[in-house]
Protein backbone atom coordinates (compact mmCIF):
# COMPACT_ATOMS: atom_id res chain seq x y z
CA MET A 1 -27.07 155.47 57.34
CA SER A 2 -26.64 152.33 55.30
CA GLN A 3 -26.69 151.41 51.64
CA THR A 4 -29.62 149.47 50.21
CA ALA A 5 -28.72 145.94 49.16
CA ASN A 6 -27.53 145.47 45.55
CA THR A 7 -26.76 149.18 45.03
CA PHE A 8 -24.30 149.31 42.16
CA ASP A 9 -21.74 152.01 43.03
CA THR A 10 -18.42 153.38 41.83
CA PHE A 11 -16.48 150.93 43.97
CA ALA A 12 -17.73 148.02 41.90
CA ALA A 13 -18.17 149.64 38.52
CA LYS A 14 -15.62 149.24 35.73
CA GLY A 15 -14.79 151.59 32.87
CA ILE A 16 -15.12 154.89 34.70
CA ARG A 17 -13.19 157.46 32.78
CA GLU A 18 -10.38 159.24 34.59
CA SER A 19 -10.83 162.89 35.49
CA LEU A 20 -7.49 164.49 34.66
CA SER A 21 -7.27 168.24 34.24
CA ASN A 22 -5.97 169.49 30.91
CA VAL A 23 -3.86 172.09 32.71
CA ILE A 24 -0.37 171.46 34.12
CA TYR A 25 0.32 173.60 37.20
CA ASN A 26 3.90 174.74 37.74
CA ILE A 27 4.71 177.03 40.67
CA SER A 28 8.42 177.27 39.91
CA PRO A 29 9.35 180.95 39.40
CA GLU A 30 10.70 182.10 36.05
CA GLU A 31 11.39 185.78 36.86
CA THR A 32 15.03 186.80 36.38
CA PRO A 33 15.14 190.40 37.69
CA PHE A 34 18.84 191.08 37.14
CA MET A 35 18.96 189.65 33.63
CA SER A 36 15.70 191.39 32.71
CA ASN A 37 16.80 194.85 33.89
CA ILE A 38 20.31 195.03 32.45
CA GLY A 39 21.15 195.44 28.77
CA ARG A 40 21.89 192.93 26.03
CA GLU A 41 24.63 193.00 23.39
CA ASN A 42 26.54 190.74 21.04
CA VAL A 43 30.27 189.98 21.17
CA LYS A 44 32.64 188.34 18.68
CA ASN A 45 35.06 186.41 20.85
CA THR A 46 35.13 184.17 23.92
CA TYR A 47 37.16 186.89 25.64
CA PHE A 48 35.52 190.27 25.16
CA GLU A 49 36.85 193.63 26.35
CA TRP A 50 35.78 197.21 26.91
CA GLN A 51 37.38 200.39 28.21
CA THR A 52 36.66 202.53 31.25
CA ASP A 53 37.75 206.07 32.01
CA SER A 54 37.21 208.78 34.59
CA LEU A 55 37.78 212.51 35.00
CA ALA A 56 40.60 213.91 37.11
CA ALA A 57 39.70 214.91 40.65
CA ALA A 58 38.22 218.39 40.99
CA SER A 59 40.80 221.00 42.01
CA THR A 60 40.27 223.88 44.42
CA THR A 61 43.57 225.56 43.43
CA ASN A 62 42.89 226.10 39.70
CA ALA A 63 43.66 229.83 39.51
CA GLN A 64 46.01 231.25 36.89
CA VAL A 65 47.90 234.49 36.25
CA GLU A 66 46.19 236.72 33.70
CA GLY A 67 47.96 236.48 30.34
CA ASP A 68 50.19 233.67 31.61
CA ASP A 69 51.91 231.42 29.05
CA VAL A 70 51.61 227.62 29.23
CA SER A 71 54.93 226.05 30.18
CA SER A 72 53.71 222.72 31.51
CA PHE A 73 50.82 220.44 30.64
CA ASP A 74 48.45 218.28 32.63
CA ALA A 75 49.18 214.57 32.71
CA THR A 76 46.97 212.42 30.49
CA ALA A 77 45.78 209.12 31.96
CA ALA A 78 45.21 206.12 29.69
CA THR A 79 41.88 204.32 29.66
CA ALA A 80 41.56 201.08 31.60
CA ARG A 81 40.95 197.93 29.56
CA ILE A 82 38.60 195.42 31.21
CA GLY A 83 37.51 192.02 29.95
CA ASN A 84 35.50 188.91 30.76
CA TYR A 85 34.97 185.44 29.32
CA THR A 86 31.90 183.84 27.83
CA GLN A 87 30.76 180.46 29.01
CA VAL A 88 28.67 177.79 27.34
CA SER A 89 25.44 176.78 29.05
CA ARG A 90 23.02 174.16 27.80
CA LYS A 91 20.00 171.98 28.50
CA THR A 92 19.11 168.73 26.72
CA VAL A 93 15.91 166.80 25.96
CA LEU A 94 15.43 163.16 24.93
CA ILE A 95 11.85 162.08 24.11
CA SER A 96 10.87 158.67 22.81
CA GLY A 97 8.90 158.49 19.57
CA THR A 98 6.08 156.67 21.34
CA LEU A 99 5.69 159.34 24.03
CA GLU A 100 5.56 162.04 21.36
CA SER A 101 2.77 160.13 19.58
CA VAL A 102 0.41 159.16 22.41
CA ASP A 103 -2.47 161.37 23.56
CA LYS A 104 -1.35 163.40 26.57
CA ALA A 105 -3.16 165.63 29.04
CA GLY A 106 -2.08 169.25 29.21
CA ARG A 107 0.14 169.32 26.12
CA ARG A 108 -0.01 168.09 22.54
CA SER A 109 3.74 167.72 22.07
CA GLU A 110 5.93 166.44 24.87
CA LEU A 111 8.99 167.66 22.96
CA ALA A 112 7.69 171.24 22.69
CA TYR A 113 6.59 171.24 26.33
CA GLN A 114 9.97 170.03 27.60
CA LEU A 115 11.87 172.48 25.38
CA ALA A 116 9.86 175.36 26.85
CA LYS A 117 10.69 174.12 30.36
CA ARG A 118 14.39 173.78 29.58
CA SER A 119 14.50 177.35 28.17
CA ALA A 120 13.11 178.74 31.43
CA GLU A 121 15.53 176.58 33.43
CA LEU A 122 18.45 177.87 31.37
CA LYS A 123 17.52 181.50 32.09
CA ARG A 124 17.31 180.67 35.81
CA ASP A 125 20.79 179.12 35.62
CA MET A 126 22.21 182.23 33.97
CA GLU A 127 20.63 184.52 36.56
CA SER A 128 22.08 182.42 39.40
CA ILE A 129 25.55 182.31 37.81
CA MET A 130 25.67 186.09 37.29
CA LEU A 131 24.86 186.67 40.97
CA THR A 132 26.95 183.96 42.59
CA ASN A 133 30.59 184.30 43.69
CA GLN A 134 32.32 183.07 40.51
CA ALA A 135 35.67 184.21 39.11
CA ALA A 136 36.38 184.55 35.41
CA ALA A 137 38.35 181.60 34.03
CA ALA A 138 39.90 181.03 30.60
CA GLY A 139 39.45 177.27 30.76
CA SER A 140 41.49 174.60 28.97
CA ALA A 141 40.82 172.66 25.79
CA GLY A 142 38.85 169.48 26.40
CA VAL A 143 39.27 169.57 30.19
CA SER A 144 35.98 169.27 32.07
CA THR A 145 37.66 170.24 35.33
CA ALA A 146 38.92 173.54 33.85
CA LEU A 147 35.90 175.05 32.15
CA ARG A 148 35.74 178.53 30.69
CA LYS A 149 33.57 180.65 32.99
CA THR A 150 32.33 184.20 33.05
CA GLY A 151 33.14 186.40 36.02
CA SER A 152 30.04 187.14 38.10
CA LEU A 153 28.79 190.44 39.46
CA LEU A 154 30.30 189.68 42.87
CA ALA A 155 33.72 189.17 41.24
CA PHE A 156 33.49 192.67 39.71
CA LEU A 157 32.36 194.75 42.71
CA LYS A 158 35.31 196.09 44.70
CA THR A 159 34.79 199.85 45.23
CA ASN A 160 31.42 200.70 46.80
CA THR A 161 31.03 197.94 49.36
CA ASP A 162 30.09 197.55 53.02
CA LYS A 163 31.23 194.21 54.39
CA GLY A 164 31.49 192.23 57.60
CA THR A 165 34.62 191.54 59.63
CA GLY A 166 36.83 189.14 57.68
CA GLY A 167 35.12 189.87 54.38
CA ALA A 168 37.32 191.16 51.55
CA ASP A 169 36.66 192.61 48.12
CA PRO A 170 38.11 190.89 45.03
CA SER A 171 41.43 192.19 43.75
CA TYR A 172 41.92 192.36 39.98
CA SER A 173 43.16 194.76 37.30
CA THR A 174 41.94 193.73 33.83
CA GLN A 175 39.45 190.91 34.41
CA PRO A 176 37.38 189.65 37.38
CA ASN A 177 39.48 186.54 37.90
CA ALA A 178 39.23 186.44 41.70
CA THR A 179 36.24 185.81 43.95
CA ARG A 180 35.39 187.98 46.93
CA THR A 181 36.17 186.62 50.39
CA ASP A 182 33.03 186.00 52.42
CA ALA A 183 32.98 186.72 56.14
CA THR A 184 32.39 183.71 58.34
CA ASP A 185 28.87 182.99 59.58
CA ALA A 186 29.86 184.35 63.01
CA ASN A 187 30.55 187.76 61.43
CA LEU A 188 27.34 188.18 59.44
CA ARG A 189 25.37 191.39 60.17
CA ALA A 190 21.65 192.08 60.12
CA PHE A 191 20.81 194.25 57.10
CA SER A 192 20.13 197.76 58.37
CA GLU A 193 19.27 201.14 56.91
CA THR A 194 22.68 202.38 58.07
CA ILE A 195 24.41 199.78 55.88
CA LEU A 196 22.20 200.62 52.91
CA LYS A 197 22.82 204.36 53.29
CA SER A 198 26.57 203.73 53.40
CA VAL A 199 26.54 201.82 50.10
CA ILE A 200 24.22 204.26 48.31
CA GLN A 201 26.38 207.20 49.43
CA LYS A 202 29.54 205.48 48.13
CA VAL A 203 27.93 204.78 44.75
CA TRP A 204 26.75 208.38 44.40
CA ALA A 205 30.13 209.79 45.48
CA ALA A 206 31.83 207.62 42.84
CA GLY A 207 29.59 209.17 40.17
CA GLY A 208 26.85 206.52 40.00
CA THR A 209 23.10 206.93 40.14
CA PRO A 210 21.62 204.08 42.23
CA LYS A 211 18.30 202.89 40.79
CA ILE A 212 17.70 199.35 42.08
CA LEU A 213 18.22 197.63 45.43
CA MET A 214 18.14 193.89 44.72
CA VAL A 215 17.80 191.56 47.72
CA GLY A 216 16.79 188.05 48.67
CA PRO A 217 13.39 187.32 50.24
CA VAL A 218 14.54 187.57 53.88
CA ASN A 219 16.19 190.94 53.41
CA LYS A 220 13.31 192.21 51.27
CA GLN A 221 11.16 191.97 54.40
CA LYS A 222 13.82 193.73 56.46
CA VAL A 223 13.94 196.60 53.97
CA SER A 224 10.17 197.03 54.39
CA ALA A 225 10.84 198.13 57.97
CA PHE A 226 13.34 200.86 57.00
CA ALA A 227 12.30 204.44 57.74
CA GLY A 228 13.00 205.60 54.20
CA ILE A 229 10.30 203.58 52.46
CA ALA A 230 8.17 205.69 50.14
CA GLU A 231 4.70 204.71 51.33
CA ILE A 232 3.30 202.68 54.20
CA ARG A 233 -0.35 203.72 53.95
CA LYS A 234 -3.03 203.47 51.30
CA GLU A 235 -6.49 205.02 51.33
CA ALA A 236 -9.24 202.41 51.51
CA PRO A 237 -12.46 202.99 49.51
CA GLY A 238 -15.54 203.25 51.72
CA ASN A 239 -17.38 200.35 50.08
CA LYS A 240 -14.49 197.92 49.79
CA PRO A 241 -12.21 196.06 52.22
CA GLY A 242 -9.02 197.88 53.17
CA VAL A 243 -5.69 196.82 51.69
CA ILE A 244 -2.80 196.22 54.09
CA ILE A 245 0.50 197.45 52.67
CA GLY A 246 3.32 195.38 54.16
CA ALA A 247 6.04 195.86 51.57
CA ALA A 248 8.51 198.54 50.53
CA ASP A 249 8.78 198.84 46.75
CA VAL A 250 10.63 202.16 46.69
CA TYR A 251 13.28 203.40 49.11
CA VAL A 252 13.76 207.18 49.09
CA SER A 253 17.43 207.88 49.77
CA ASP A 254 19.31 211.17 50.06
CA PHE A 255 20.45 210.59 46.48
CA GLY A 256 17.20 209.61 44.80
CA ALA A 257 14.51 206.95 44.84
CA VAL A 258 15.67 203.33 44.62
CA SER A 259 13.35 200.51 43.55
CA VAL A 260 13.44 197.50 45.87
CA VAL A 261 13.46 194.29 43.84
CA PRO A 262 13.40 190.79 45.39
CA ASN A 263 15.37 188.07 43.63
CA ARG A 264 14.99 184.35 44.34
CA PHE A 265 18.22 183.44 42.57
CA GLN A 266 20.79 185.54 44.42
CA ARG A 267 22.55 184.72 47.65
CA GLU A 268 20.60 185.93 50.68
CA ARG A 269 23.78 187.31 52.23
CA ASP A 270 24.19 189.92 49.46
CA ALA A 271 22.25 193.12 48.74
CA PHE A 272 23.10 194.79 45.42
CA VAL A 273 22.73 198.51 44.72
CA LEU A 274 22.58 198.75 40.93
CA ASP A 275 22.43 201.11 38.00
CA PRO A 276 21.27 198.67 35.29
CA GLU A 277 22.45 201.02 32.54
CA TYR A 278 26.01 199.95 33.35
CA ALA A 279 25.70 196.18 32.93
CA SER A 280 24.63 193.81 30.18
CA VAL A 281 24.51 190.17 29.12
CA SER A 282 26.91 189.69 26.20
CA TYR A 283 26.05 186.91 23.75
CA LEU A 284 28.59 185.17 21.55
CA ARG A 285 25.84 182.72 20.56
CA PRO A 286 22.24 183.55 21.48
CA PHE A 287 19.72 180.91 22.60
CA ASN A 288 19.50 178.22 19.92
CA THR A 289 17.69 174.88 19.74
CA VAL A 290 19.84 172.25 18.03
CA GLU A 291 18.42 169.01 16.60
CA LEU A 292 20.92 166.32 17.49
CA ALA A 293 21.65 163.29 15.32
CA LYS A 294 18.95 160.63 15.51
CA THR A 295 20.40 157.28 16.60
CA GLY A 296 17.22 155.44 17.57
CA ASP A 297 13.51 155.79 18.18
CA ALA A 298 13.75 159.08 20.06
CA GLU A 299 14.01 162.81 19.45
CA LYS A 300 17.13 164.56 20.75
CA ARG A 301 17.40 168.30 21.24
CA MET A 302 19.87 170.66 22.86
CA ILE A 303 19.30 174.28 23.84
CA VAL A 304 22.64 176.06 23.96
CA VAL A 305 23.74 179.62 24.67
CA GLU A 306 27.22 181.14 24.94
CA TRP A 307 27.23 184.29 27.02
CA GLY A 308 29.13 186.45 29.47
CA LEU A 309 28.52 189.27 31.94
CA LYS A 310 29.69 192.79 31.10
CA VAL A 311 29.89 195.33 33.92
CA ASN A 312 30.66 198.56 32.08
CA THR A 313 32.13 200.17 35.20
CA GLU A 314 31.89 198.48 38.56
CA ALA A 315 31.91 201.82 40.40
CA ALA A 316 28.35 202.43 39.13
CA HIS A 317 27.16 199.68 41.48
CA GLY A 318 27.47 198.81 45.15
CA LEU A 319 27.23 195.86 47.51
CA ALA A 320 26.12 195.33 51.08
CA ALA A 321 27.84 192.04 51.86
CA ASP A 322 27.90 189.49 54.65
CA LEU A 323 24.29 189.88 55.76
CA THR A 324 22.41 187.47 57.98
CA THR A 325 20.21 185.03 56.08
CA THR A 326 17.38 184.53 58.58
């Protein structure tokens, strides 16, 4: 096939309008499962505290003489006082006046669009920080190398854990100011139902009620192969294609059903067994957009939040640590 002589085509024409979609596609995930499931509260100081308590161990020898007088009294244990720090997190935007004024595809205001993006990014940062291995730190005035930081979930969990050889739980008394010791790569274990059962049993024995198993994407697929998944079959309607169920959304343990939740922002080597009732994000300053001083032909904004993680009682949760990541 050939083109007839003097055919005027798009290769030679000028002034063809661009075809640019008015939709901006963004595949980056915004879900923050841990932050979305736990509670929210306000605090009044950069160091915030709460108290924990527990009942005495059950006794099998509590039998008394009829009519006996009381000559001695049971010991009374004081509550434990636990605390954590808030940390300041922020995102900034700088948009030229010209960019804000020109006609743009997919958004009317570049400033509003970028602020929305930064808000989602800030939530992702907070989710990642709460689930990384970070110790609480008081910080120092004006020292960028000694920032005030909130202790993460991994820095709290020390009771109901199942870890690899060489791994060690954090040691603290009043605040999570030490990180956990990770096992070396050579001592990582494949996540198994045996490990999960061990952690769930420890949480239940400590008085907790496990509700969520939170894992990374690799271990989410491994959980789907566990024998305790709630459902592996689904009835297919006669006039429609069948649906293949390849995921486990609920694990039925000896101590109740546990929802299996994948999280993109946690370490793959960790699997958390959680009761979200016993954790919350504590805000000293909630999300706020600040208009910064104008020094030229541009708009300056800062989104800032000051927050910390509160784990009401770490024994309500559990951790399967030092898991293989592939």
